[in-house]
Amino acid sequence: FGHGLSISPLHMLRAMSAFVNDGFMVPPTLIKRSEAEAKALYEPVISPTTSGYIRYLRFL
């Protein structure tokens, strides 16, 4: 008890992006990028299959 975990909404958004982007974590930005620039920054963190399972389970 007494040990809390706090994250900002931006951190939560970044973590959730991996589930909705087929396993790729996308860094948030305030500056608009082209699609090619954005895809160059994608970082695979989970498999697309796992991403699909998690998206499915969220709606059960």
C-alpha atoms as a PDB file:
ATOM      1  CA  PHE A   1       0.000   0.000   0.000  1.00  0.00           C
ATOM      2  CA  GLY A   2       1.079   3.547  -0.542  1.00  0.00           C
ATOM      3  CA  HIS A   3       2.837   2.768  -3.799  1.00  0.00           C
ATOM      4  CA  GLY A   4       0.980   4.525  -6.552  1.00  0.00           C
ATOM      5  CA  LEU A   5       1.498   4.515 -10.257  1.00  0.00           C
ATOM      6  CA  SER A   6       0.605   7.600 -12.185  1.00  0.00           C
ATOM      7  CA  ILE A   7       0.890   8.244 -15.887  1.00  0.00           C
ATOM      8  CA  SER A   8      -0.096  11.183 -17.999  1.00  0.00           C
ATOM      9  CA  PRO A   9      -2.845  10.980 -20.622  1.00  0.00           C
ATOM     10  CA  LEU A  10      -0.143  11.339 -23.279  1.00  0.00           C
ATOM     11  CA  HIS A  11       1.688   8.261 -21.969  1.00  0.00           C
ATOM     12  CA  MET A  12      -1.557   6.270 -22.010  1.00  0.00           C
ATOM     13  CA  LEU A  13      -2.289   7.428 -25.559  1.00  0.00           C
ATOM     14  CA  ARG A  14       1.165   6.352 -26.688  1.00  0.00           C
ATOM     15  CA  ALA A  15       0.777   2.912 -25.122  1.00  0.00           C
ATOM     16  CA  MET A  16      -2.690   2.380 -26.615  1.00  0.00           C
ATOM     17  CA  SER A  17      -1.469   3.395 -30.070  1.00  0.00           C
ATOM     18  CA  ALA A  18       0.317   0.044 -30.373  1.00  0.00           C
ATOM     19  CA  PHE A  19      -2.978  -1.816 -30.084  1.00  0.00           C
ATOM     20  CA  VAL A  20      -4.817   0.172 -32.738  1.00  0.00           C
ATOM     21  CA  ASN A  21      -1.900   0.431 -35.198  1.00  0.00           C
ATOM     22  CA  ASP A  22      -1.279  -3.307 -35.705  1.00  0.00           C
ATOM     23  CA  GLY A  23       1.480  -3.494 -33.112  1.00  0.00           C
ATOM     24  CA  PHE A  24       3.404  -0.360 -34.089  1.00  0.00           C
ATOM     25  CA  MET A  25       3.959   2.363 -31.515  1.00  0.00           C
ATOM     26  CA  VAL A  26       3.581   5.774 -33.118  1.00  0.00           C
ATOM     27  CA  PRO A  27       5.190   8.763 -31.411  1.00  0.00           C
ATOM     28  CA  PRO A  28       2.714  11.627 -30.901  1.00  0.00           C
ATOM     29  CA  THR A  29       3.463  14.963 -32.517  1.00  0.00           C
ATOM     30  CA  LEU A  30       2.009  18.439 -32.806  1.00  0.00           C
ATOM     31  CA  ILE A  31       3.494  18.986 -36.256  1.00  0.00           C
ATOM     32  CA  LYS A  32       1.756  17.370 -39.223  1.00  0.00           C
ATOM     33  CA  ARG A  33       3.884  14.775 -41.017  1.00  0.00           C
ATOM     34  CA  SER A  34       3.494  13.130 -44.372  1.00  0.00           C
ATOM     35  CA  GLU A  35       2.441   9.496 -44.284  1.00  0.00           C
ATOM     36  CA  ALA A  36       5.918   8.397 -45.409  1.00  0.00           C
ATOM     37  CA  GLU A  37       7.602  10.384 -42.616  1.00  0.00           C
ATOM     38  CA  ALA A  38       5.210   8.965 -40.038  1.00  0.00           C
ATOM     39  CA  LYS A  39       5.727   5.362 -41.175  1.00  0.00           C
ATOM     40  CA  ALA A  40       9.500   5.813 -40.889  1.00  0.00           C
ATOM     41  CA  LEU A  41       9.017   6.485 -37.151  1.00  0.00           C
ATOM     42  CA  TYR A  42       6.795   3.456 -36.449  1.00  0.00           C
ATOM     43  CA  GLU A  43       8.333   1.137 -33.865  1.00  0.00           C
ATOM     44  CA  PRO A  44       7.081  -2.484 -33.737  1.00  0.00           C
ATOM     45  CA  VAL A  45       6.383  -3.442 -30.115  1.00  0.00           C
ATOM     46  CA  ILE A  46       3.883  -6.320 -30.395  1.00  0.00           C
ATOM     47  CA  SER A  47       2.871  -8.642 -33.216  1.00  0.00           C
ATOM     48  CA  PRO A  48      -0.098  -7.736 -35.432  1.00  0.00           C
ATOM     49  CA  THR A  49      -1.816 -10.929 -34.225  1.00  0.00           C
ATOM     50  CA  THR A  50      -1.531  -9.891 -30.578  1.00  0.00           C
ATOM     51  CA  SER A  51      -2.805  -6.436 -31.481  1.00  0.00           C
ATOM     52  CA  GLY A  52      -5.838  -8.004 -33.136  1.00  0.00           C
ATOM     53  CA  TYR A  53      -6.558 -10.182 -30.090  1.00  0.00           C
ATOM     54  CA  ILE A  54      -6.407  -7.209 -27.740  1.00  0.00           C
ATOM     55  CA  ARG A  55      -8.709  -5.134 -29.953  1.00  0.00           C
ATOM     56  CA  TYR A  56     -11.159  -8.045 -30.055  1.00  0.00           C
ATOM     57  CA  LEU A  57     -11.059  -8.562 -26.275  1.00  0.00           C
ATOM     58  CA  ARG A  58     -11.699  -4.875 -25.588  1.00  0.00           C
ATOM     59  CA  PHE A  59     -15.179  -5.207 -27.081  1.00  0.00           C
ATOM     60  CA  LEU A  60     -16.321  -8.389 -25.319  1.00  0.00           C
END
